[in-house]
Amino acid sequence: STCFAPCRSQHSLIVESIIMTTLNLTWQFQCLFSAACRSMSTTTTTSKPKAVFLNASRLDYDGKLDWSRMHDICDLHLHPADYVRDKDDMLSLVQDADIVITKEMQVPADYFADFPASVKLLCEAGTGFNNLPVQQARARSVPVCNIPTYSTEAVAHMAITYLMNFSVSMFQQQQMLQQGDRSNFLGPFTLPLHETNEKVIGLIGGAGRIGTKVAEIALALGMKVKISSRRGSLPEDHALYGNPNVECTDDINSVLQVSDYVSLHTPLNDQTRGTFGRAQIQQMKPSAFLINTSRGAVCNEDELIECMQEGLIQGAGLDVTTTEPPAPDSPLWKLPNVWLSPHTGWRRLETRQRLVDMTCDNISSFVTASSEEDIMNVVN
């Protein structure tokens, strides 16, 4: 019986070793599985780039926009502000962000200089991008995107809305009613009324998308169209090329002198800032109206105010001003021949939703891009 004891002891050791090895392998597998799960979880939660819309309330001021597509492609934070002016606030908002979105909000170059290295894309939710530090972003290899086409029809309609109201003195009539003056309903009519057909609309910088759309509507109203552009002629593939009621020239004065309505469609840059002022207004007919739906700063606003105070032209409709809104003490608020609107050309519900969707397209192209050439609407 004693000869079997060592054998049983050796057998027990072997069994114990097998059990321990199995338990150890099981534990290691569980550790690896848990680590894999944690890794998958981390990948899932960090696979989307982080995007922050610094002043989302400027775009979604009524809470009626659908952001679901953008939420699908990025970890989106919509900051409920119309404008962020404080540098510390802005830097706090962009911490760890991959994408920064703005709407007509200035991002000063010295603010951008302190943006974290995580920021890889600046998106302007709009057409103009002079509010963003484009060159500084390029120096850091950060693309800047805009949305060049979202509001073409809406802004063109805004310009025509001003024109139509001017043609029948609608603004003045409403002013009279608000003051309790019903004389135009009771006695001889006292305000000027004009048909639009055969009238001339002058489009300054009007060969682009919005100016072209304004021209097409004006032509449908029976108007004649004069366009001033640096090129001085329309290319053969232009929608208005060859139209007998359209003329294009590089002589702005020849356009101003014959136009019943002058509509500005000039982009804002260092070459155009403040270039429409007294010298240009003095070329206009005393009976003419000025309409600006482009950028306020293309006008020399001080000179514009002086000209309107002097009554050099019949009136001006401004959907844009140099600062928006104008300063509280700006004479623009009270001039009887100036009509203001708070940059409403792009604010229609459908226009704003289109802007969200097209901004999403830009971001989606960035997320899936294999090179910068794949990113949509890069302006730098």
Foldseek 3Di string as FASTA:
>chain_A
DVVCVVVVVVVVVVVVVVVVVVVVVVVVVVVVVVVVVVVVVVCVVPVAFEEEEQDQCLLCVPVPADQVLVVVRHVYDYDHHNEDDDLVVVQVRQVSGQEYEYEPYADDPVSVVPRDLSHQEYEYLAADDPRYPQVSCVVSNRFYFYDNPLQLPLLLVVQVVVVQCLQAVVVVVVVCVVVVHPCCVPHPHDDHHHQLAAAEEEEEQQQDRNSVSNVVVSVVSNYAYEYADCVQAHDPPRPCPPPPRYGYGNDLLVRQQRHQEYEYADADDPVQFQCAFDVSLLSHQLAHEYEYLHEARSHNVVRVVVCLVVSSHQAYEYAYHNDQPPDPPDCLVPRPRYHYHRSCSQRDPSSSNSSSVVSSVQVVQVSPPPDPVSGPRGDD
